[in-house]
C-alpha atoms as a PDB file:
ATOM      1  CA  MET A   1      -4.452  -8.207  20.504  1.00  0.00           C
ATOM      2  CA  PRO A   2      -6.365  -5.930  22.404  1.00  0.00           C
ATOM      3  CA  GLN A   3      -8.127  -7.149  26.083  1.00  0.00           C
ATOM      4  CA  PRO A   4     -12.128  -8.377  24.754  1.00  0.00           C
ATOM      5  CA  LYS A   5     -14.606  -6.377  25.942  1.00  0.00           C
ATOM      6  CA  TYR A   6     -18.723  -7.292  27.115  1.00  0.00           C
ATOM      7  CA  ALA A   7     -21.176  -5.706  24.678  1.00  0.00           C
ATOM      8  CA  ARG A   8     -22.768  -4.660  27.472  1.00  0.00           C
ATOM      9  CA  GLU A   9     -19.949  -1.820  27.838  1.00  0.00           C
ATOM     10  CA  SER A  10     -20.741   0.087  25.293  1.00  0.00           C
ATOM     11  CA  MET A  11     -24.167   0.240  25.461  1.00  0.00           C
ATOM     12  CA  THR A  12     -25.003   4.074  24.936  1.00  0.00           C
ATOM     13  CA  VAL A  13     -27.847   5.688  25.136  1.00  0.00           C
ATOM     14  CA  MET A  14     -28.975   9.268  23.658  1.00  0.00           C
ATOM     15  CA  THR A  15     -31.830  11.440  24.112  1.00  0.00           C
ATOM     16  CA  GLU A  16     -33.007  14.207  21.805  1.00  0.00           C
ATOM     17  CA  MET A  17     -36.588  16.784  21.968  1.00  0.00           C
ATOM     18  CA  VAL A  18     -37.454  17.347  18.354  1.00  0.00           C
ATOM     19  CA  LEU A  19     -37.516  21.091  18.357  1.00  0.00           C
ATOM     20  CA  PRO A  20     -39.069  23.357  14.974  1.00  0.00           C
ATOM     21  CA  ASN A  21     -35.879  23.516  13.539  1.00  0.00           C
ATOM     22  CA  ASP A  22     -35.356  19.429  13.566  1.00  0.00           C
ATOM     23  CA  THR A  23     -38.624  19.511  11.686  1.00  0.00           C
ATOM     24  CA  ASN A  24     -39.937  19.549   8.091  1.00  0.00           C
ATOM     25  CA  THR A  25     -43.249  20.893   6.615  1.00  0.00           C
ATOM     26  CA  LEU A  26     -45.696  18.489   8.248  1.00  0.00           C
ATOM     27  CA  ASN A  27     -43.736  19.189  11.650  1.00  0.00           C
ATOM     28  CA  ASN A  28     -42.412  15.644  11.700  1.00  0.00           C
ATOM     29  CA  LEU A  29     -38.465  15.063  12.288  1.00  0.00           C
ATOM     30  CA  MET A  30     -36.410  14.806   9.392  1.00  0.00           C
ATOM     31  CA  GLY A  31     -35.259  12.048   8.161  1.00  0.00           C
ATOM     32  CA  GLY A  32     -31.658  13.367   7.951  1.00  0.00           C
ATOM     33  CA  ARG A  33     -31.939  14.662  10.959  1.00  0.00           C
ATOM     34  CA  LEU A  34     -32.573  11.379  12.640  1.00  0.00           C
ATOM     35  CA  LEU A  35     -30.053   9.628  10.959  1.00  0.00           C
ATOM     36  CA  HIS A  36     -27.589  12.373  12.148  1.00  0.00           C
ATOM     37  CA  PHE A  37     -28.851  11.637  15.698  1.00  0.00           C
ATOM     38  CA  MET A  38     -28.227   7.921  15.370  1.00  0.00           C
ATOM     39  CA  ASP A  39     -24.801   7.806  14.011  1.00  0.00           C
ATOM     40  CA  ILE A  40     -23.746  10.104  16.594  1.00  0.00           C
ATOM     41  CA  ALA A  41     -24.857   7.157  19.087  1.00  0.00           C
ATOM     42  CA  ALA A  42     -23.446   4.654  17.094  1.00  0.00           C
ATOM     43  CA  ALA A  43     -20.017   5.982  16.916  1.00  0.00           C
ATOM     44  CA  ILE A  44     -19.983   6.798  20.550  1.00  0.00           C
ATOM     45  CA  ALA A  45     -20.984   3.084  21.417  1.00  0.00           C
ATOM     46  CA  ALA A  46     -18.157   2.166  18.773  1.00  0.00           C
ATOM     47  CA  GLN A  47     -15.868   4.263  20.553  1.00  0.00           C
ATOM     48  CA  LYS A  48     -16.403   3.134  23.913  1.00  0.00           C
ATOM     49  CA  HIS A  49     -15.776  -0.646  22.528  1.00  0.00           C
ATOM     50  CA  SER A  50     -12.420   0.324  20.929  1.00  0.00           C
ATOM     51  CA  ASN A  51     -11.220   3.271  23.101  1.00  0.00           C
ATOM     52  CA  ARG A  52     -10.328   4.681  19.590  1.00  0.00           C
ATOM     53  CA  ILE A  53     -11.264   7.300  16.990  1.00  0.00           C
ATOM     54  CA  VAL A  54     -13.936   5.946  14.739  1.00  0.00           C
ATOM     55  CA  VAL A  55     -15.172   6.236  11.577  1.00  0.00           C
ATOM     56  CA  THR A  56     -18.717   5.100  10.112  1.00  0.00           C
ATOM     57  CA  ALA A  57     -18.118   2.375   7.123  1.00  0.00           C
ATOM     58  CA  SER A  58     -21.612   2.106   6.395  1.00  0.00           C
ATOM     59  CA  VAL A  59     -25.356   1.884   7.258  1.00  0.00           C
ATOM     60  CA  ASP A  60     -27.651  -0.969   6.481  1.00  0.00           C
ATOM     61  CA  ASN A  61     -31.245  -0.135   5.816  1.00  0.00           C
ATOM     62  CA  VAL A  62     -33.292   2.565   7.827  1.00  0.00           C
ATOM     63  CA  SER A  63     -36.466   2.176   7.317  1.00  0.00           C
ATOM     64  CA  PHE A  64     -38.845   5.015   9.241  1.00  0.00           C
ATOM     65  CA  ALA A  65     -41.980   3.023  10.875  1.00  0.00           C
ATOM     66  CA  GLU A  66     -43.606   6.048  12.320  1.00  0.00           C
ATOM     67  CA  PRO A  67     -43.236   9.532  12.092  1.00  0.00           C
ATOM     68  CA  ILE A  68     -41.464  11.761  14.827  1.00  0.00           C
ATOM     69  CA  ARG A  69     -43.493  14.333  15.676  1.00  0.00           C
ATOM     70  CA  LEU A  70     -42.593  17.941  16.767  1.00  0.00           C
ATOM     71  CA  GLY A  71     -41.898  17.186  20.701  1.00  0.00           C
ATOM     72  CA  ASN A  72     -41.849  13.852  20.826  1.00  0.00           C
ATOM     73  CA  ILE A  73     -38.349  12.740  23.138  1.00  0.00           C
ATOM     74  CA  VAL A  74     -36.346  10.833  20.904  1.00  0.00           C
ATOM     75  CA  THR A  75     -34.365   7.830  22.804  1.00  0.00           C
ATOM     76  CA  MET A  76     -32.182   5.964  20.750  1.00  0.00           C
ATOM     77  CA  LYS A  77     -29.909   2.863  22.277  1.00  0.00           C
ATOM     78  CA  ALA A  78     -26.894   1.579  20.678  1.00  0.00           C
ATOM     79  CA  GLN A  79     -24.395  -1.184  22.038  1.00  0.00           C
ATOM     80  CA  VAL A  80     -21.392  -2.791  19.716  1.00  0.00           C
ATOM     81  CA  THR A  81     -22.559  -6.639  18.300  1.00  0.00           C
ATOM     82  CA  ARG A  82     -19.119  -7.975  17.134  1.00  0.00           C
ATOM     83  CA  ALA A  83     -16.023  -6.708  15.883  1.00  0.00           C
ATOM     84  CA  PHE A  84     -13.777  -7.864  13.524  1.00  0.00           C
ATOM     85  CA  SER A  85     -10.043  -7.122  13.191  1.00  0.00           C
ATOM     86  CA  SER A  86     -10.797  -2.993  12.747  1.00  0.00           C
ATOM     87  CA  SER A  87     -14.217  -2.632  12.557  1.00  0.00           C
ATOM     88  CA  MET A  88     -17.289  -3.251  14.466  1.00  0.00           C
ATOM     89  CA  GLU A  89     -21.062  -3.452  13.961  1.00  0.00           C
ATOM     90  CA  VAL A  90     -23.264  -1.272  16.106  1.00  0.00           C
ATOM     91  CA  PHE A  91     -27.343  -1.829  16.381  1.00  0.00           C
ATOM     92  CA  ILE A  92     -28.516   1.156  16.956  1.00  0.00           C
ATOM     93  CA  GLU A  93     -32.972   1.726  18.394  1.00  0.00           C
ATOM     94  CA  VAL A  94     -34.785   4.134  18.220  1.00  0.00           C
ATOM     95  CA  TRP A  95     -38.443   5.309  20.174  1.00  0.00           C
ATOM     96  CA  ALA A  96     -40.255   8.699  20.209  1.00  0.00           C
ATOM     97  CA  GLU A  97     -42.014   9.115  23.255  1.00  0.00           C
ATOM     98  CA  ASP A  98     -45.293  11.271  23.105  1.00  0.00           C
ATOM     99  CA  ILE A  99     -44.855  12.457  27.363  1.00  0.00           C
ATOM    100  CA  PRO A 100     -47.902  14.280  27.945  1.00  0.00           C
ATOM    101  CA  ALA A 101     -49.543  12.039  25.820  1.00  0.00           C
ATOM    102  CA  GLY A 102     -48.133   8.912  28.165  1.00  0.00           C
ATOM    103  CA  VAL A 103     -47.457   7.168  24.264  1.00  0.00           C
ATOM    104  CA  ARG A 104     -43.614   5.402  23.200  1.00  0.00           C
ATOM    105  CA  VAL A 105     -43.154   3.717  19.960  1.00  0.00           C
ATOM    106  CA  SER A 106     -40.531   1.920  18.408  1.00  0.00           C
ATOM    107  CA  THR A 107     -39.899   3.939  14.809  1.00  0.00           C
ATOM    108  CA  ASN A 108     -36.359   3.445  13.579  1.00  0.00           C
ATOM    109  CA  SER A 109     -33.494   0.299  13.952  1.00  0.00           C
ATOM    110  CA  ALA A 110     -30.575  -0.090  11.932  1.00  0.00           C
ATOM    111  CA  PHE A 111     -26.799  -1.154  11.745  1.00  0.00           C
ATOM    112  CA  TYR A 112     -24.193   0.416  11.485  1.00  0.00           C
ATOM    113  CA  THR A 113     -20.441  -0.430  10.701  1.00  0.00           C
ATOM    114  CA  PHE A 114     -17.780   1.027  12.294  1.00  0.00           C
ATOM    115  CA  VAL A 115     -13.692   1.229  11.671  1.00  0.00           C
ATOM    116  CA  ALA A 116     -11.319   2.527  14.465  1.00  0.00           C
ATOM    117  CA  VAL A 117      -8.363   4.384  13.044  1.00  0.00           C
ATOM    118  CA  ASP A 118      -5.173   5.610  14.751  1.00  0.00           C
ATOM    119  CA  GLN A 119      -4.112   9.251  14.500  1.00  0.00           C
ATOM    120  CA  SER A 120      -3.100   9.243  11.432  1.00  0.00           C
ATOM    121  CA  GLY A 121      -6.634   7.859  10.393  1.00  0.00           C
ATOM    122  CA  ARG A 122      -5.360   4.115   9.178  1.00  0.00           C
ATOM    123  CA  PRO A 123      -7.594   1.592  10.906  1.00  0.00           C
ATOM    124  CA  ILE A 124      -6.079  -0.056  13.564  1.00  0.00           C
ATOM    125  CA  GLU A 125      -7.125  -3.651  15.611  1.00  0.00           C
ATOM    126  CA  VAL A 126     -10.163  -3.196  18.242  1.00  0.00           C
ATOM    127  CA  PRO A 127     -11.361  -5.862  21.249  1.00  0.00           C
ATOM    128  CA  ALA A 128     -13.173  -8.777  20.406  1.00  0.00           C
ATOM    129  CA  VAL A 129     -17.029  -8.585  21.910  1.00  0.00           C
ATOM    130  CA  ILE A 130     -18.162 -11.046  24.431  1.00  0.00           C
ATOM    131  CA  PRO A 131     -21.843 -11.374  24.108  1.00  0.00           C
ATOM    132  CA  GLU A 132     -23.961 -12.056  27.323  1.00  0.00           C
ATOM    133  CA  THR A 133     -27.352 -12.546  26.965  1.00  0.00           C
ATOM    134  CA  ASP A 134     -29.395 -14.105  24.694  1.00  0.00           C
ATOM    135  CA  GLU A 135     -29.847 -11.549  22.752  1.00  0.00           C
ATOM    136  CA  GLU A 136     -26.482 -10.337  22.099  1.00  0.00           C
ATOM    137  CA  LYS A 137     -25.270 -13.711  21.385  1.00  0.00           C
ATOM    138  CA  ASP A 138     -28.367 -14.151  19.004  1.00  0.00           C
ATOM    139  CA  ARG A 139     -26.585 -10.372  17.580  1.00  0.00           C
ATOM    140  CA  TYR A 140     -23.314 -11.572  17.153  1.00  0.00           C
ATOM    141  CA  GLU A 141     -23.493 -15.107  15.685  1.00  0.00           C
ATOM    142  CA  SER A 142     -25.485 -13.237  12.484  1.00  0.00           C
ATOM    143  CA  ALA A 143     -23.037 -10.187  12.452  1.00  0.00           C
ATOM    144  CA  LEU A 144     -20.744 -12.137  10.127  1.00  0.00           C
ATOM    145  CA  ARG A 145     -23.716 -13.239   8.007  1.00  0.00           C
ATOM    146  CA  ARG A 146     -24.312  -8.968   7.416  1.00  0.00           C
ATOM    147  CA  ARG A 147     -20.918  -8.549   7.498  1.00  0.00           C
ATOM    148  CA  GLN A 148     -21.058 -10.871   4.376  1.00  0.00           C
ATOM    149  CA  LEU A 149     -23.473  -9.458   2.304  1.00  0.00           C
ATOM    150  CA  ARG A 150     -21.852  -6.119   2.693  1.00  0.00           C
ATOM    151  CA  LEU A 151     -19.066  -7.007   1.573  1.00  0.00           C
ATOM    152  CA  VAL A 152     -20.452  -8.731  -1.157  1.00  0.00           C
ATOM    153  CA  LEU A 153     -22.683  -5.496  -1.923  1.00  0.00           C
ATOM    154  CA  ALA A 154     -20.014  -3.414  -1.809  1.00  0.00           C
ATOM    155  CA  GLY A 155     -18.090  -5.606  -4.675  1.00  0.00           C
ATOM    156  CA  ARG A 156     -15.446  -6.117  -1.824  1.00  0.00           C
ATOM    157  CA  MET A 157     -15.989  -9.793  -1.773  1.00  0.00           C
ATOM    158  CA  ASN A 158     -16.551 -12.288  -3.920  1.00  0.00           C
ATOM    159  CA  ALA A 159     -20.402 -13.948  -3.606  1.00  0.00           C
ATOM    160  CA  GLN A 160     -18.741 -17.474  -3.492  1.00  0.00           C
ATOM    161  CA  ASP A 161     -16.659 -16.689  -0.393  1.00  0.00           C
ATOM    162  CA  ALA A 162     -19.215 -15.665   1.449  1.00  0.00           C
ATOM    163  CA  THR A 163     -19.279 -18.899   3.083  1.00  0.00           C
ATOM    164  CA  GLU A 164     -21.500 -17.752   6.115  1.00  0.00           C
ATOM    165  CA  LEU A 165     -24.153 -15.995   3.842  1.00  0.00           C
ATOM    166  CA  ARG A 166     -24.020 -18.997   1.530  1.00  0.00           C
ATOM    167  CA  GLU A 167     -24.387 -21.660   4.336  1.00  0.00           C
ATOM    168  CA  TYR A 168     -27.804 -19.274   5.904  1.00  0.00           C
ATOM    169  CA  LEU A 169     -29.187 -19.032   2.462  1.00  0.00           C
ATOM    170  CA  LYS A 170     -28.724 -22.438   1.308  1.00  0.00           C
ATOM    171  CA  VAL A 171     -27.049 -21.750  -1.944  1.00  0.00           C
END
């Protein structure tokens, strides 16, 4: 079993500038381009935690709360919230900043799931996560419910077996 690691050790901050080639006809960052940026930042966090090659297994709901405009600076902060045998949940937050106007807004957040793999592409065990802050502890505690929901929705777990999720929903 790999040595457990602190959640903070996976912290990744990535910054991009929205250029004309990244935008749609309204001069806003294309959603697919943002998802690409987010996937990279989240994957780096998962790699930092696992010290392994990682593959994206799932992305939870991503809502686009605010448009990100041409020339804005996009900052993404990603961190592993919890690890299971070979998978890791990563929380990512996104902000857009108009530096000349002095405006910074939260635009997106999502949970990504990555699986660590060996050189042959087979899943490999990852270290446990040690949460320290209240926020890290909250995300850690709720990660099992989110995982069970993902597995039920994917048809990989029977809803009756999702004990944490059932307890939370009181069903």
